[in-house]
C-alpha atoms as a PDB file:
ATOM      1  CA  MET A   1      -6.493  25.668  -8.933  1.00  0.00           C
ATOM      2  CA  ARG A   2      -7.563  26.583 -12.476  1.00  0.00           C
ATOM      3  CA  ARG A   3      -3.974  26.190 -13.634  1.00  0.00           C
ATOM      4  CA  GLU A   4      -3.838  22.717 -12.072  1.00  0.00           C
ATOM      5  CA  LEU A   5      -7.041  21.676 -13.835  1.00  0.00           C
ATOM      6  CA  ILE A   6      -5.676  22.868 -17.193  1.00  0.00           C
ATOM      7  CA  LYS A   7      -2.468  20.931 -16.569  1.00  0.00           C
ATOM      8  CA  PHE A   8      -4.478  17.840 -15.668  1.00  0.00           C
ATOM      9  CA  ALA A   9      -6.693  18.202 -18.759  1.00  0.00           C
ATOM     10  CA  LEU A  10      -3.616  18.334 -21.007  1.00  0.00           C
ATOM     11  CA  PHE A  11      -2.099  15.311 -19.272  1.00  0.00           C
ATOM     12  CA  ALA A  12      -5.372  13.363 -19.583  1.00  0.00           C
ATOM     13  CA  ALA A  13      -5.659  14.210 -23.281  1.00  0.00           C
ATOM     14  CA  VAL A  14      -2.133  12.906 -23.923  1.00  0.00           C
ATOM     15  CA  ALA A  15      -2.726   9.728 -21.877  1.00  0.00           C
ATOM     16  CA  LEU A  16      -5.964   8.921 -23.704  1.00  0.00           C
ATOM     17  CA  ALA A  17      -4.394   9.628 -27.118  1.00  0.00           C
ATOM     18  CA  VAL A  18      -1.432   7.284 -26.607  1.00  0.00           C
ATOM     19  CA  PRO A  19      -3.094   4.148 -28.114  1.00  0.00           C
ATOM     20  CA  ALA A  20      -3.463   5.988 -31.430  1.00  0.00           C
ATOM     21  CA  THR A  21       0.334   6.218 -31.685  1.00  0.00           C
ATOM     22  CA  ILE A  22       1.042   2.562 -30.839  1.00  0.00           C
ATOM     23  CA  LYS A  23       0.831  -0.241 -33.368  1.00  0.00           C
ATOM     24  CA  GLY A  24       2.060  -3.176 -31.285  1.00  0.00           C
ATOM     25  CA  GLY A  25      -0.271  -4.884 -28.820  1.00  0.00           C
ATOM     26  CA  TYR A  26       2.489  -5.860 -26.372  1.00  0.00           C
ATOM     27  CA  LEU A  27       3.497  -2.290 -25.548  1.00  0.00           C
ATOM     28  CA  LEU A  28      -0.153  -1.398 -25.047  1.00  0.00           C
ATOM     29  CA  ASN A  29      -0.428  -4.277 -22.585  1.00  0.00           C
ATOM     30  CA  VAL A  30       2.585  -2.948 -20.673  1.00  0.00           C
ATOM     31  CA  LEU A  31       1.001   0.518 -20.560  1.00  0.00           C
ATOM     32  CA  VAL A  32      -2.076  -1.028 -18.932  1.00  0.00           C
ATOM     33  CA  PHE A  33       0.172  -1.996 -16.025  1.00  0.00           C
ATOM     34  CA  VAL A  34       1.708   1.483 -16.048  1.00  0.00           C
ATOM     35  CA  GLY A  35      -1.815   2.771 -15.345  1.00  0.00           C
ATOM     36  CA  ILE A  36      -2.327   0.321 -12.463  1.00  0.00           C
ATOM     37  CA  ASN A  37       1.077   1.185 -11.001  1.00  0.00           C
ATOM     38  CA  THR A  38       0.290   4.886 -11.368  1.00  0.00           C
ATOM     39  CA  MET A  39      -2.733   4.412  -9.094  1.00  0.00           C
ATOM     40  CA  LEU A  40      -0.524   2.615  -6.553  1.00  0.00           C
ATOM     41  CA  ALA A  41       2.220   5.245  -6.729  1.00  0.00           C
ATOM     42  CA  VAL A  42      -0.279   8.097  -6.279  1.00  0.00           C
ATOM     43  CA  ALA A  43      -1.760   6.273  -3.273  1.00  0.00           C
ATOM     44  CA  LEU A  44       1.656   5.868  -1.640  1.00  0.00           C
ATOM     45  CA  ASN A  45       2.680   9.436  -2.523  1.00  0.00           C
ATOM     46  CA  LEU A  46      -0.346  10.825  -0.687  1.00  0.00           C
ATOM     47  CA  LEU A  47       0.830   8.992   2.406  1.00  0.00           C
ATOM     48  CA  LEU A  48       4.590   9.443   2.078  1.00  0.00           C
ATOM     49  CA  GLY A  49       5.127  12.512  -0.084  1.00  0.00           C
ATOM     50  CA  PHE A  50       2.422  14.712   1.439  1.00  0.00           C
ATOM     51  CA  ALA A  51       1.831  13.363   4.970  1.00  0.00           C
ATOM     52  CA  GLY A  52       5.392  12.115   5.526  1.00  0.00           C
ATOM     53  CA  GLN A  53       4.292   8.659   6.735  1.00  0.00           C
ATOM     54  CA  ILE A  54       6.354   5.810   5.277  1.00  0.00           C
ATOM     55  CA  SER A  55       4.748   2.476   4.433  1.00  0.00           C
ATOM     56  CA  LEU A  56       6.429  -0.763   3.387  1.00  0.00           C
ATOM     57  CA  GLY A  57       3.190  -2.720   3.345  1.00  0.00           C
ATOM     58  CA  GLN A  58       1.345  -1.064   0.481  1.00  0.00           C
ATOM     59  CA  ALA A  59       1.470  -4.284  -1.529  1.00  0.00           C
ATOM     60  CA  ALA A  60      -0.689  -5.906   1.162  1.00  0.00           C
ATOM     61  CA  PHE A  61      -3.649  -3.629   0.401  1.00  0.00           C
ATOM     62  CA  TYR A  62      -3.027  -4.198  -3.302  1.00  0.00           C
ATOM     63  CA  GLY A  63      -3.141  -7.954  -2.749  1.00  0.00           C
ATOM     64  CA  LEU A  64      -6.225  -7.809  -0.534  1.00  0.00           C
ATOM     65  CA  GLY A  65      -8.088  -5.915  -3.234  1.00  0.00           C
ATOM     66  CA  ALA A  66      -7.104  -8.467  -5.866  1.00  0.00           C
ATOM     67  CA  TYR A  67      -7.965 -11.523  -3.768  1.00  0.00           C
ATOM     68  CA  LEU A  68     -11.182 -10.212  -2.232  1.00  0.00           C
ATOM     69  CA  SER A  69     -12.545  -9.189  -5.613  1.00  0.00           C
ATOM     70  CA  GLY A  70     -11.327 -12.392  -7.243  1.00  0.00           C
ATOM     71  CA  ILE A  71     -12.759 -14.705  -4.580  1.00  0.00           C
ATOM     72  CA  LEU A  72     -16.130 -12.939  -4.391  1.00  0.00           C
ATOM     73  CA  THR A  73     -16.616 -13.115  -8.157  1.00  0.00           C
ATOM     74  CA  THR A  74     -15.136 -16.538  -8.869  1.00  0.00           C
ATOM     75  CA  THR A  75     -16.126 -18.554  -5.800  1.00  0.00           C
ATOM     76  CA  TYR A  76     -19.378 -16.835  -4.873  1.00  0.00           C
ATOM     77  CA  GLY A  77     -20.530 -15.525  -8.258  1.00  0.00           C
ATOM     78  CA  TRP A  78     -20.756 -11.830  -7.330  1.00  0.00           C
ATOM     79  CA  ASN A  79     -20.941  -9.093  -9.915  1.00  0.00           C
ATOM     80  CA  PRO A  80     -17.340  -7.830 -10.395  1.00  0.00           C
ATOM     81  CA  TRP A  81     -18.250  -4.164  -9.829  1.00  0.00           C
ATOM     82  CA  THR A  82     -20.108  -5.011  -6.616  1.00  0.00           C
ATOM     83  CA  ALA A  83     -17.171  -7.156  -5.487  1.00  0.00           C
ATOM     84  CA  MET A  84     -14.761  -4.266  -6.148  1.00  0.00           C
ATOM     85  CA  ALA A  85     -16.902  -1.885  -4.076  1.00  0.00           C
ATOM     86  CA  VAL A  86     -17.241  -4.355  -1.180  1.00  0.00           C
ATOM     87  CA  ALA A  87     -13.496  -5.093  -1.273  1.00  0.00           C
ATOM     88  CA  ALA A  88     -12.727  -1.356  -1.156  1.00  0.00           C
ATOM     89  CA  MET A  89     -15.028  -0.839   1.841  1.00  0.00           C
ATOM     90  CA  ALA A  90     -13.583  -3.867   3.680  1.00  0.00           C
ATOM     91  CA  VAL A  91      -9.983  -2.795   3.085  1.00  0.00           C
ATOM     92  CA  GLY A  92     -10.824   0.806   4.000  1.00  0.00           C
ATOM     93  CA  LEU A  93     -12.334  -0.350   7.305  1.00  0.00           C
ATOM     94  CA  LEU A  94      -9.306  -2.544   8.019  1.00  0.00           C
ATOM     95  CA  ALA A  95      -6.903   0.315   7.265  1.00  0.00           C
ATOM     96  CA  PHE A  96      -8.882   2.710   9.464  1.00  0.00           C
ATOM     97  CA  VAL A  97      -8.841   0.267  12.390  1.00  0.00           C
ATOM     98  CA  ILE A  98      -5.143  -0.626  12.214  1.00  0.00           C
ATOM     99  CA  GLY A  99      -4.174   2.941  11.319  1.00  0.00           C
ATOM    100  CA  PHE A 100      -4.691   4.300  14.834  1.00  0.00           C
ATOM    101  CA  PRO A 101      -2.145   2.030  16.579  1.00  0.00           C
ATOM    102  CA  ILE A 102       0.303   1.839  13.656  1.00  0.00           C
ATOM    103  CA  LEU A 103       0.443   5.589  12.977  1.00  0.00           C
ATOM    104  CA  LYS A 104       1.353   6.314  16.582  1.00  0.00           C
ATOM    105  CA  LEU A 105       4.792   5.105  15.516  1.00  0.00           C
ATOM    106  CA  LYS A 106       7.286   7.215  13.612  1.00  0.00           C
ATOM    107  CA  GLY A 107      10.250   6.752  11.317  1.00  0.00           C
ATOM    108  CA  HIS A 108      11.864   3.320  11.301  1.00  0.00           C
ATOM    109  CA  TYR A 109       9.312   1.935  13.749  1.00  0.00           C
ATOM    110  CA  LEU A 110       6.450   2.878  11.439  1.00  0.00           C
ATOM    111  CA  ALA A 111       8.281   1.314   8.497  1.00  0.00           C
ATOM    112  CA  MET A 112       8.780  -1.927  10.437  1.00  0.00           C
ATOM    113  CA  ALA A 113       5.134  -2.013  11.566  1.00  0.00           C
ATOM    114  CA  THR A 114       3.807  -1.623   8.017  1.00  0.00           C
ATOM    115  CA  LEU A 115       6.355  -4.167   6.797  1.00  0.00           C
ATOM    116  CA  GLY A 116       5.116  -6.608   9.448  1.00  0.00           C
ATOM    117  CA  PHE A 117       1.524  -6.087   8.320  1.00  0.00           C
ATOM    118  CA  GLY A 118       2.530  -6.757   4.719  1.00  0.00           C
ATOM    119  CA  ILE A 119       4.336  -9.966   5.689  1.00  0.00           C
ATOM    120  CA  ILE A 120       1.298 -11.189   7.654  1.00  0.00           C
ATOM    121  CA  ILE A 121      -1.010 -10.667   4.656  1.00  0.00           C
ATOM    122  CA  TYR A 122       1.515 -12.374   2.378  1.00  0.00           C
ATOM    123  CA  ILE A 123       1.684 -15.411   4.692  1.00  0.00           C
ATOM    124  CA  VAL A 124      -2.126 -15.612   4.868  1.00  0.00           C
ATOM    125  CA  LEU A 125      -2.406 -15.525   1.067  1.00  0.00           C
ATOM    126  CA  ASN A 126       0.193 -18.284   0.830  1.00  0.00           C
ATOM    127  CA  GLU A 127      -1.079 -20.566   3.586  1.00  0.00           C
ATOM    128  CA  TYR A 128      -4.866 -20.268   3.280  1.00  0.00           C
ATOM    129  CA  VAL A 129      -4.787 -22.665   0.319  1.00  0.00           C
ATOM    130  CA  ASP A 130      -8.457 -23.691   0.371  1.00  0.00           C
ATOM    131  CA  VAL A 131      -9.580 -20.122  -0.250  1.00  0.00           C
ATOM    132  CA  THR A 132      -6.697 -18.373  -2.030  1.00  0.00           C
ATOM    133  CA  GLY A 133      -5.119 -21.274  -3.894  1.00  0.00           C
ATOM    134  CA  GLY A 134      -1.862 -20.769  -1.994  1.00  0.00           C
ATOM    135  CA  PRO A 135       1.445 -20.465  -3.864  1.00  0.00           C
ATOM    136  CA  SER A 136      -0.148 -21.992  -6.991  1.00  0.00           C
ATOM    137  CA  GLY A 137      -2.324 -18.908  -7.373  1.00  0.00           C
ATOM    138  CA  PHE A 138      -5.982 -18.251  -8.018  1.00  0.00           C
ATOM    139  CA  SER A 139      -7.300 -18.533 -11.572  1.00  0.00           C
ATOM    140  CA  GLY A 140     -10.549 -18.037 -13.419  1.00  0.00           C
ATOM    141  CA  VAL A 141     -11.191 -14.462 -12.281  1.00  0.00           C
ATOM    142  CA  PRO A 142     -13.814 -13.006 -14.663  1.00  0.00           C
ATOM    143  CA  GLY A 143     -13.097  -9.904 -16.707  1.00  0.00           C
ATOM    144  CA  LEU A 144     -14.954  -6.637 -16.315  1.00  0.00           C
ATOM    145  CA  GLY A 145     -17.798  -5.449 -18.485  1.00  0.00           C
ATOM    146  CA  ILE A 146     -20.577  -2.883 -18.693  1.00  0.00           C
ATOM    147  CA  GLY A 147     -23.685  -4.304 -20.352  1.00  0.00           C
ATOM    148  CA  ASN A 148     -22.652  -5.633 -23.743  1.00  0.00           C
ATOM    149  CA  LEU A 149     -19.258  -3.932 -23.522  1.00  0.00           C
ATOM    150  CA  HIS A 150     -16.577  -6.358 -22.320  1.00  0.00           C
ATOM    151  CA  PHE A 151     -13.045  -5.189 -21.558  1.00  0.00           C
ATOM    152  CA  ASP A 152     -11.488  -8.220 -23.222  1.00  0.00           C
ATOM    153  CA  SER A 153      -8.747  -6.594 -25.306  1.00  0.00           C
ATOM    154  CA  ASP A 154      -5.616  -4.584 -24.531  1.00  0.00           C
ATOM    155  CA  LEU A 155      -7.140  -1.427 -26.027  1.00  0.00           C
ATOM    156  CA  LYS A 156     -10.340  -1.682 -23.976  1.00  0.00           C
ATOM    157  CA  SER A 157      -8.360  -2.551 -20.833  1.00  0.00           C
ATOM    158  CA  TYR A 158      -6.104   0.451 -21.468  1.00  0.00           C
ATOM    159  CA  TYR A 159      -9.006   2.885 -21.534  1.00  0.00           C
ATOM    160  CA  LEU A 160     -10.641   1.276 -18.491  1.00  0.00           C
ATOM    161  CA  VAL A 161      -7.483   1.319 -16.378  1.00  0.00           C
ATOM    162  CA  TRP A 162      -6.383   4.776 -17.449  1.00  0.00           C
ATOM    163  CA  THR A 163      -9.843   6.221 -16.883  1.00  0.00           C
ATOM    164  CA  MET A 164      -9.617   4.919 -13.300  1.00  0.00           C
ATOM    165  CA  ALA A 165      -6.029   6.156 -12.982  1.00  0.00           C
ATOM    166  CA  LEU A 166      -6.944   9.633 -14.215  1.00  0.00           C
ATOM    167  CA  LEU A 167      -9.889   9.802 -11.798  1.00  0.00           C
ATOM    168  CA  VAL A 168      -7.531   8.859  -8.947  1.00  0.00           C
ATOM    169  CA  MET A 169      -5.044  11.512 -10.078  1.00  0.00           C
ATOM    170  CA  LEU A 170      -7.798  14.142 -10.287  1.00  0.00           C
ATOM    171  CA  LEU A 171      -8.940  13.212  -6.775  1.00  0.00           C
ATOM    172  CA  ALA A 172      -5.364  13.493  -5.541  1.00  0.00           C
ATOM    173  CA  VAL A 173      -4.817  16.865  -7.242  1.00  0.00           C
ATOM    174  CA  ASN A 174      -8.015  18.265  -5.699  1.00  0.00           C
ATOM    175  CA  LEU A 175      -7.096  16.832  -2.312  1.00  0.00           C
ATOM    176  CA  THR A 176      -3.581  18.259  -2.279  1.00  0.00           C
ATOM    177  CA  GLN A 177      -4.809  21.703  -3.362  1.00  0.00           C
ATOM    178  CA  SER A 178      -7.416  21.831  -0.582  1.00  0.00           C
ATOM    179  CA  ARG A 179      -7.187  22.701   3.113  1.00  0.00           C
ATOM    180  CA  ILE A 180      -6.616  19.007   3.796  1.00  0.00           C
ATOM    181  CA  GLY A 181      -3.630  19.038   1.470  1.00  0.00           C
ATOM    182  CA  ARG A 182      -2.145  22.031   3.271  1.00  0.00           C
ATOM    183  CA  ALA A 183      -2.730  20.289   6.601  1.00  0.00           C
ATOM    184  CA  LEU A 184      -0.957  17.170   5.304  1.00  0.00           C
ATOM    185  CA  ARG A 185       2.049  19.271   4.280  1.00  0.00           C
ATOM    186  CA  ALA A 186       2.069  20.863   7.715  1.00  0.00           C
ATOM    187  CA  ILE A 187       2.155  17.406   9.314  1.00  0.00           C
ATOM    188  CA  HIS A 188       4.959  16.420   6.956  1.00  0.00           C
ATOM    189  CA  ASP A 189       7.040  19.461   7.938  1.00  0.00           C
ATOM    190  CA  SER A 190       6.340  19.353  11.685  1.00  0.00           C
ATOM    191  CA  GLU A 191       3.583  17.389  13.343  1.00  0.00           C
ATOM    192  CA  VAL A 192       4.018  19.323  16.594  1.00  0.00           C
ATOM    193  CA  ALA A 193       3.630  22.671  14.817  1.00  0.00           C
ATOM    194  CA  ALA A 194       0.590  21.350  12.936  1.00  0.00           C
ATOM    195  CA  ARG A 195      -1.056  20.332  16.220  1.00  0.00           C
ATOM    196  CA  VAL A 196      -0.362  23.772  17.687  1.00  0.00           C
ATOM    197  CA  LEU A 197      -2.122  25.329  14.684  1.00  0.00           C
ATOM    198  CA  GLY A 198      -5.210  23.220  15.358  1.00  0.00           C
ATOM    199  CA  VAL A 199      -4.697  20.323  12.940  1.00  0.00           C
ATOM    200  CA  ASN A 200      -6.020  16.995  14.231  1.00  0.00           C
ATOM    201  CA  ALA A 201      -2.845  15.254  13.083  1.00  0.00           C
ATOM    202  CA  ARG A 202      -3.676  11.793  14.420  1.00  0.00           C
ATOM    203  CA  LEU A 203      -7.069  11.564  12.718  1.00  0.00           C
ATOM    204  CA  LEU A 204      -5.804  13.124   9.480  1.00  0.00           C
ATOM    205  CA  LYS A 205      -2.931  10.626   9.248  1.00  0.00           C
ATOM    206  CA  VAL A 206      -5.366   7.739   9.692  1.00  0.00           C
ATOM    207  CA  GLN A 207      -7.691   9.207   7.065  1.00  0.00           C
ATOM    208  CA  VAL A 208      -4.959   9.581   4.436  1.00  0.00           C
ATOM    209  CA  PHE A 209      -3.693   6.088   5.338  1.00  0.00           C
ATOM    210  CA  THR A 210      -7.217   4.763   4.720  1.00  0.00           C
ATOM    211  CA  CYS A 211      -7.553   6.696   1.452  1.00  0.00           C
ATOM    212  CA  SER A 212      -4.210   5.317   0.284  1.00  0.00           C
ATOM    213  CA  ALA A 213      -5.288   1.765   1.173  1.00  0.00           C
ATOM    214  CA  VAL A 214      -8.617   2.067  -0.684  1.00  0.00           C
ATOM    215  CA  ILE A 215      -6.913   3.333  -3.858  1.00  0.00           C
ATOM    216  CA  SER A 216      -4.415   0.458  -3.650  1.00  0.00           C
ATOM    217  CA  CYS A 217      -7.298  -1.973  -3.159  1.00  0.00           C
ATOM    218  CA  LEU A 218      -9.063  -0.665  -6.279  1.00  0.00           C
ATOM    219  CA  ALA A 219      -5.829  -1.055  -8.242  1.00  0.00           C
ATOM    220  CA  GLY A 220      -5.606  -4.646  -7.006  1.00  0.00           C
ATOM    221  CA  SER A 221      -9.170  -5.386  -8.104  1.00  0.00           C
ATOM    222  CA  LEU A 222      -8.450  -3.928 -11.550  1.00  0.00           C
ATOM    223  CA  TYR A 223      -5.318  -6.058 -11.761  1.00  0.00           C
ATOM    224  CA  ALA A 224      -7.217  -9.249 -10.860  1.00  0.00           C
ATOM    225  CA  HIS A 225      -9.983  -8.683 -13.403  1.00  0.00           C
ATOM    226  CA  THR A 226      -7.527  -7.624 -16.116  1.00  0.00           C
ATOM    227  CA  VAL A 227      -5.050 -10.489 -15.732  1.00  0.00           C
ATOM    228  CA  THR A 228      -7.698 -13.039 -14.516  1.00  0.00           C
ATOM    229  CA  PHE A 229      -4.989 -14.851 -12.511  1.00  0.00           C
ATOM    230  CA  ILE A 230      -3.395 -13.812  -9.224  1.00  0.00           C
ATOM    231  CA  SER A 231      -0.700 -15.301  -6.993  1.00  0.00           C
ATOM    232  CA  PRO A 232       0.830 -14.195  -3.664  1.00  0.00           C
ATOM    233  CA  SER A 233       4.269 -13.598  -5.205  1.00  0.00           C
ATOM    234  CA  THR A 234       2.883 -10.506  -6.965  1.00  0.00           C
ATOM    235  CA  PHE A 235       2.045  -8.840  -3.645  1.00  0.00           C
ATOM    236  CA  GLY A 236       5.171  -9.447  -1.570  1.00  0.00           C
ATOM    237  CA  PHE A 237       7.768  -7.214   0.056  1.00  0.00           C
ATOM    238  CA  HIS A 238       9.652  -6.908  -3.227  1.00  0.00           C
ATOM    239  CA  PHE A 239       6.734  -5.060  -4.801  1.00  0.00           C
ATOM    240  CA  SER A 240       6.414  -2.711  -1.810  1.00  0.00           C
ATOM    241  CA  VAL A 241      10.046  -1.727  -2.349  1.00  0.00           C
ATOM    242  CA  GLU A 242       9.345  -1.238  -6.049  1.00  0.00           C
ATOM    243  CA  LEU A 243       6.423   1.077  -5.239  1.00  0.00           C
ATOM    244  CA  LEU A 244       8.587   3.074  -2.856  1.00  0.00           C
ATOM    245  CA  THR A 245      11.190   3.384  -5.610  1.00  0.00           C
ATOM    246  CA  MET A 246       8.539   4.619  -8.063  1.00  0.00           C
ATOM    247  CA  VAL A 247       7.481   7.395  -5.704  1.00  0.00           C
ATOM    248  CA  ILE A 248      11.001   8.550  -4.850  1.00  0.00           C
ATOM    249  CA  ILE A 249      12.255   8.431  -8.436  1.00  0.00           C
ATOM    250  CA  GLY A 250       9.165  10.224  -9.734  1.00  0.00           C
ATOM    251  CA  GLY A 251       9.225  12.875  -7.032  1.00  0.00           C
ATOM    252  CA  LEU A 252       7.919  12.977  -3.477  1.00  0.00           C
ATOM    253  CA  GLY A 253       4.891  15.240  -3.189  1.00  0.00           C
ATOM    254  CA  SER A 254       4.198  15.244  -6.935  1.00  0.00           C
ATOM    255  CA  ILE A 255       1.126  13.536  -8.414  1.00  0.00           C
ATOM    256  CA  TYR A 256       2.537  13.682 -11.944  1.00  0.00           C
ATOM    257  CA  GLY A 257       5.877  12.475 -10.616  1.00  0.00           C
ATOM    258  CA  SER A 258       4.080   9.344  -9.424  1.00  0.00           C
ATOM    259  CA  CYS A 259       3.081   8.654 -13.016  1.00  0.00           C
ATOM    260  CA  LEU A 260       6.634   9.238 -14.273  1.00  0.00           C
ATOM    261  CA  GLY A 261       8.069   6.918 -11.639  1.00  0.00           C
ATOM    262  CA  ALA A 262       5.459   4.250 -12.375  1.00  0.00           C
ATOM    263  CA  ALA A 263       6.158   4.466 -16.112  1.00  0.00           C
ATOM    264  CA  LEU A 264       9.926   4.202 -15.651  1.00  0.00           C
ATOM    265  CA  LEU A 265       9.835   1.303 -13.182  1.00  0.00           C
ATOM    266  CA  THR A 266       7.226  -0.600 -15.207  1.00  0.00           C
ATOM    267  CA  LEU A 267       9.020  -0.191 -18.533  1.00  0.00           C
ATOM    268  CA  LEU A 268      12.548  -0.644 -17.130  1.00  0.00           C
ATOM    269  CA  PRO A 269      12.246  -4.425 -16.511  1.00  0.00           C
ATOM    270  CA  GLU A 270      11.438  -4.849 -20.206  1.00  0.00           C
ATOM    271  CA  PHE A 271      14.973  -3.606 -20.925  1.00  0.00           C
ATOM    272  CA  LEU A 272      16.590  -5.508 -18.033  1.00  0.00           C
ATOM    273  CA  ARG A 273      15.398  -9.032 -18.736  1.00  0.00           C
ATOM    274  CA  THR A 274      18.972 -10.340 -18.708  1.00  0.00           C
ATOM    275  CA  PHE A 275      19.324  -8.971 -15.153  1.00  0.00           C
ATOM    276  CA  GLN A 276      15.936 -10.139 -13.885  1.00  0.00           C
ATOM    277  CA  ASP A 277      17.526 -11.909 -10.890  1.00  0.00           C
ATOM    278  CA  TYR A 278      19.157  -8.642  -9.821  1.00  0.00           C
ATOM    279  CA  ASP A 279      16.347  -6.163 -10.463  1.00  0.00           C
ATOM    280  CA  ILE A 280      16.081  -5.362  -6.744  1.00  0.00           C
ATOM    281  CA  VAL A 281      19.770  -4.338  -6.878  1.00  0.00           C
ATOM    282  CA  VAL A 282      19.028  -2.048  -9.817  1.00  0.00           C
ATOM    283  CA  TYR A 283      16.149  -0.447  -7.881  1.00  0.00           C
ATOM    284  CA  GLY A 284      18.466   0.084  -4.909  1.00  0.00           C
ATOM    285  CA  LEU A 285      21.092   1.735  -7.080  1.00  0.00           C
ATOM    286  CA  LEU A 286      18.446   3.975  -8.651  1.00  0.00           C
ATOM    287  CA  LEU A 287      17.301   5.040  -5.191  1.00  0.00           C
ATOM    288  CA  ILE A 288      20.869   5.876  -4.142  1.00  0.00           C
ATOM    289  CA  VAL A 289      21.620   7.838  -7.315  1.00  0.00           C
ATOM    290  CA  MET A 290      18.345   9.787  -7.210  1.00  0.00           C
ATOM    291  CA  THR A 291      18.711  10.573  -3.509  1.00  0.00           C
ATOM    292  CA  MET A 292      22.264  11.832  -3.992  1.00  0.00           C
ATOM    293  CA  PHE A 293      21.960  13.804  -7.216  1.00  0.00           C
ATOM    294  CA  LEU A 294      18.247  14.480  -7.797  1.00  0.00           C
ATOM    295  CA  PRO A 295      16.387  14.330  -4.460  1.00  0.00           C
ATOM    296  CA  GLY A 296      13.310  15.938  -6.028  1.00  0.00           C
ATOM    297  CA  GLY A 297      12.957  13.067  -8.487  1.00  0.00           C
ATOM    298  CA  LEU A 298      12.285  13.182 -12.207  1.00  0.00           C
ATOM    299  CA  VAL A 299       9.908  16.116 -11.767  1.00  0.00           C
ATOM    300  CA  GLN A 300      12.741  18.215 -10.358  1.00  0.00           C
ATOM    301  CA  GLY A 301      14.955  17.096 -13.241  1.00  0.00           C
ATOM    302  CA  PHE A 302      12.385  18.204 -15.835  1.00  0.00           C
ATOM    303  CA  GLU A 303      11.926  21.529 -14.037  1.00  0.00           C
ATOM    304  CA  MET A 304      15.689  22.116 -14.061  1.00  0.00           C
ATOM    305  CA  LEU A 305      15.856  21.170 -17.746  1.00  0.00           C
ATOM    306  CA  TRP A 306      12.993  23.537 -18.603  1.00  0.00           C
ATOM    307  CA  ALA A 307      14.628  26.365 -16.628  1.00  0.00           C
ATOM    308  CA  GLY A 308      17.856  25.776 -18.572  1.00  0.00           C
ATOM    309  CA  ILE A 309      16.019  25.841 -21.908  1.00  0.00           C
ATOM    310  CA  ARG A 310      14.296  29.104 -20.976  1.00  0.00           C
ATOM    311  CA  ARG A 311      17.629  30.696 -20.126  1.00  0.00           C
ATOM    312  CA  LEU A 312      19.093  29.623 -23.465  1.00  0.00           C
ATOM    313  CA  TRP A 313      16.000  30.563 -25.495  1.00  0.00           C
ATOM    314  CA  PRO A 314      16.882  33.178 -28.149  1.00  0.00           C
ATOM    315  CA  GLY A 315      15.871  36.632 -27.036  1.00  0.00           C
ATOM    316  CA  ARG A 316      14.968  35.451 -23.534  1.00  0.00           C
ATOM    317  CA  ALA A 317      17.902  37.208 -21.911  1.00  0.00           C
ATOM    318  CA  GLY A 318      16.957  40.538 -23.484  1.00  0.00           C
ATOM    319  CA  GLN A 319      13.321  40.057 -22.483  1.00  0.00           C
ATOM    320  CA  ASP A 320      14.281  39.278 -18.859  1.00  0.00           C
ATOM    321  CA  ALA A 321      16.521  42.359 -18.828  1.00  0.00           C
END
């Protein structure tokens, strides 16, 4: 565990030092969204990479967090931090309630059930015009602040979002290194064997599903208060597929892989603007290529590269001998 904490401390130091190396404001703005997507990818990886439970409706929890926080602050004048906490509790309760029937399903049936849930939330956000603004979106969401400190610039937003992202990553690292993490891996490998060993698989799956939903909700609230405008199109099926691609490309069962996948899939569209109508095709091709040639994701690729460098390092062969 000490080694993991040192690794996390080094990663956090690099992440927080990045703004010092960037001169342009636009790239810093993009990296803010990398932080938000990192939170979402970590949330989905806990569910899929560690517990082995697929979800195609993660964007629904993301959208609920954004809209609940946005509506409570804009329409009812709530404090943004209070609204974020209430939204997280509401979404957590919803996930816990629907988790019991949904997580009885497995494989394709589970994927279809979560997809159905995501479509229902998307339709509600589109059709409930009086509350959500419908397809036109919901504007005027206030920004976040602490006392006299207002997160009204890209630099301030970067540190806010990445502080939250790093806290989520630290929570995930601690969780996966604990007894709960080992139980989740046991469920992933064989739920029947896990039950025989005394793991309450049904309750644990619902708990990690709820945890994943709450993290996604918090990411949605951060998104709403950072952008100050939200629309249903941001939280549709397309984005759920994008999140799934982030996790698989980064590496299933890897917290740091979630960050790599989020960074790649957030920055990639900036280089594919001429193919913006076909980005879903590009994501599909990436999934196929990674599944065929690098099933462990980018993390596995870096590990293989590092192993190759160590073998070629001068004097390494004699030392190993």
